[in-house]
Amino acid sequence: MTGVAERYDSATPEADIAKDLVRRSVWIAPALIAGGAIGWGLHGALSAAVGVGIVVGNFLFSAALLTWGARISVAFVLGMAMFGYVLRLGIITVVVLLIKDLAWVELIPLGFTLIITHLGLLLWETQYVSASLAFPGLKPTPDLDTTSKE
């Protein structure tokens, strides 16, 4: 016996959900960038694009931390969820503090993009996440095969 919690599949629920969030961000990024461009011109568009990038990076880093923690132990994955959240908030804060004084950064579209994208993507994703141990991660898609099985 090699291990109690050994995984035989390469996909993890955390990575699946993060990839799905990234895929959905492609749909909302143009609207947020256009909103930044309408209100603040090129600098607003760039700020909104950076905001979307920060959010996507945050979700991917979260999935990486949880996947890493899950390979070690249940207690470690819980620690990664709790302390990883604080770490990721700290990283976002540091990034914003580092770029806030650059000439092309507009804080209002950057801030709104960070908030709207985080909340919007999480709310959108809730309808696709399975709360079942039978299907951890994303809900299975319905079978499109309509032939009768007799």
Protein backbone atom coordinates (compact mmCIF):
# COMPACT_ATOMS: atom_id res chain seq x y z
CA MET A 1 0.00 0.00 0.00
CA THR A 2 1.55 3.28 -1.12
CA GLY A 3 -0.63 5.80 0.66
CA VAL A 4 -4.03 6.36 2.15
CA ALA A 5 -5.00 9.41 0.10
CA GLU A 6 -3.16 8.71 -3.15
CA ARG A 7 -4.80 10.25 -6.21
CA TYR A 8 -4.80 8.37 -9.48
CA ASP A 9 -6.24 11.10 -11.66
CA SER A 10 -4.33 14.20 -12.70
CA ALA A 11 -7.29 16.58 -12.47
CA THR A 12 -8.17 18.18 -9.16
CA PRO A 13 -11.45 19.88 -8.25
CA GLU A 14 -9.60 23.06 -7.24
CA ALA A 15 -7.83 23.32 -10.58
CA ASP A 16 -11.03 22.55 -12.50
CA ILE A 17 -12.91 25.33 -10.72
CA ALA A 18 -10.05 27.81 -11.15
CA LYS A 19 -9.79 27.01 -14.87
CA ASP A 20 -13.54 27.47 -15.19
CA LEU A 21 -13.30 30.85 -13.43
CA VAL A 22 -10.51 31.90 -15.80
CA ARG A 23 -12.59 30.78 -18.78
CA ARG A 24 -15.51 32.88 -17.55
CA SER A 25 -13.26 35.89 -16.96
CA VAL A 26 -12.60 35.96 -20.71
CA TRP A 27 -16.29 36.77 -21.16
CA ILE A 28 -16.42 39.69 -18.71
CA ALA A 29 -12.95 41.18 -19.24
CA PRO A 30 -13.86 43.04 -22.47
CA ALA A 31 -16.83 44.75 -20.78
CA LEU A 32 -14.73 45.81 -17.79
CA ILE A 33 -11.89 47.04 -20.00
CA ALA A 34 -14.35 48.91 -22.21
CA GLY A 35 -15.91 50.50 -19.12
CA GLY A 36 -12.47 51.62 -17.99
CA ALA A 37 -11.76 53.02 -21.45
CA ILE A 38 -15.06 54.90 -21.60
CA GLY A 39 -14.58 56.56 -18.23
CA TRP A 40 -10.80 57.04 -18.10
CA GLY A 41 -9.44 56.46 -21.60
CA LEU A 42 -6.43 54.28 -22.30
CA HIS A 43 -5.19 54.46 -18.70
CA GLY A 44 -8.55 53.26 -17.43
CA ALA A 45 -8.56 50.37 -19.89
CA LEU A 46 -5.04 49.36 -18.86
CA SER A 47 -5.97 49.61 -15.17
CA ALA A 48 -9.04 47.45 -15.69
CA ALA A 49 -6.98 44.89 -17.63
CA VAL A 50 -4.44 44.75 -14.79
CA GLY A 51 -7.32 44.31 -12.32
CA VAL A 52 -8.66 41.34 -14.28
CA GLY A 53 -5.14 39.89 -14.41
CA ILE A 54 -4.76 40.23 -10.64
CA VAL A 55 -8.08 38.46 -10.06
CA VAL A 56 -7.24 35.61 -12.45
CA GLY A 57 -3.83 35.22 -10.82
CA ASN A 58 -5.48 35.19 -7.40
CA PHE A 59 -7.85 32.36 -8.36
CA LEU A 60 -5.07 30.31 -9.97
CA PHE A 61 -2.76 30.79 -6.98
CA SER A 62 -5.59 29.79 -4.64
CA ALA A 63 -6.14 26.57 -6.58
CA ALA A 64 -2.41 25.83 -6.55
CA LEU A 65 -2.20 26.32 -2.78
CA LEU A 66 -5.23 24.11 -2.12
CA THR A 67 -4.00 21.40 -4.47
CA TRP A 68 -0.59 21.44 -2.81
CA GLY A 69 -2.17 21.30 0.63
CA ALA A 70 -4.48 18.45 -0.35
CA ARG A 71 -1.49 16.31 -1.31
CA ILE A 72 -0.07 16.67 2.20
CA SER A 73 -2.99 16.31 4.62
CA VAL A 74 -6.50 17.47 5.45
CA ALA A 75 -5.18 19.78 8.16
CA PHE A 76 -2.73 21.29 5.70
CA VAL A 77 -5.42 21.98 3.10
CA LEU A 78 -7.48 23.72 5.79
CA GLY A 79 -4.44 25.77 6.75
CA MET A 80 -3.84 26.66 3.11
CA ALA A 81 -7.46 27.76 2.78
CA MET A 82 -7.29 30.00 5.85
CA PHE A 83 -3.74 31.34 5.73
CA GLY A 84 -3.60 31.25 1.94
CA TYR A 85 -6.52 33.69 1.89
CA VAL A 86 -4.60 36.12 4.09
CA LEU A 87 -1.46 35.60 1.99
CA ARG A 88 -3.33 36.26 -1.26
CA LEU A 89 -4.97 39.40 0.14
CA GLY A 90 -1.52 40.57 1.20
CA ILE A 91 -0.12 39.94 -2.27
CA ILE A 92 -2.98 41.85 -3.90
CA THR A 93 -2.42 44.74 -1.48
CA VAL A 94 1.32 44.81 -2.18
CA VAL A 95 0.77 44.74 -5.96
CA VAL A 96 -1.73 47.61 -5.79
CA LEU A 97 0.56 49.62 -3.52
CA LEU A 98 3.49 49.06 -5.90
CA ILE A 99 1.62 50.18 -9.02
CA LYS A 100 -0.70 52.87 -7.63
CA ASP A 101 1.72 55.74 -8.30
CA LEU A 102 2.55 54.76 -11.88
CA ALA A 103 1.44 57.34 -14.45
CA TRP A 104 -0.90 55.01 -16.32
CA VAL A 105 -2.75 53.57 -13.31
CA GLU A 106 -6.23 54.87 -12.56
CA LEU A 107 -7.28 53.69 -9.10
CA ILE A 108 -11.05 53.88 -9.56
CA PRO A 109 -11.31 51.47 -12.51
CA LEU A 110 -8.63 49.25 -10.95
CA GLY A 111 -10.50 49.08 -7.64
CA PHE A 112 -13.90 48.55 -9.23
CA THR A 113 -12.49 45.85 -11.50
CA LEU A 114 -10.91 44.03 -8.57
CA ILE A 115 -14.16 44.07 -6.59
CA ILE A 116 -16.60 43.41 -9.43
CA THR A 117 -14.51 40.66 -10.99
CA HIS A 118 -13.91 38.81 -7.72
CA LEU A 119 -17.53 38.93 -6.61
CA GLY A 120 -19.04 38.53 -10.06
CA LEU A 121 -16.99 35.48 -11.00
CA LEU A 122 -17.57 33.80 -7.64
CA LEU A 123 -21.33 34.37 -7.83
CA TRP A 124 -21.41 33.20 -11.45
CA GLU A 125 -19.40 30.08 -10.59
CA THR A 126 -21.72 29.02 -7.74
CA GLN A 127 -24.24 27.67 -10.22
CA TYR A 128 -21.61 25.36 -11.76
CA VAL A 129 -19.95 24.01 -8.62
CA SER A 130 -21.15 20.67 -7.33
CA ALA A 131 -21.79 20.31 -3.61
CA SER A 132 -21.66 16.54 -3.86
CA LEU A 133 -18.96 14.11 -2.84
CA ALA A 134 -19.88 12.04 -5.89
CA PHE A 135 -18.84 14.90 -8.19
CA PRO A 136 -16.32 17.13 -6.40
CA GLY A 137 -15.57 20.33 -8.25
CA LEU A 138 -17.78 21.17 -11.20
CA LYS A 139 -21.19 19.63 -11.82
CA PRO A 140 -21.12 17.04 -14.59
CA THR A 141 -22.53 18.22 -17.88
CA PRO A 142 -25.67 16.45 -19.06
CA ASP A 143 -25.14 13.65 -21.57
CA LEU A 144 -26.11 14.90 -25.01
CA ASP A 145 -26.70 11.40 -26.33
CA THR A 146 -30.46 11.24 -26.99
CA THR A 147 -30.54 7.71 -28.39
CA SER A 148 -32.64 5.29 -26.40
CA LYS A 149 -30.79 2.73 -24.35
CA GLU A 150 -32.69 -0.48 -24.47
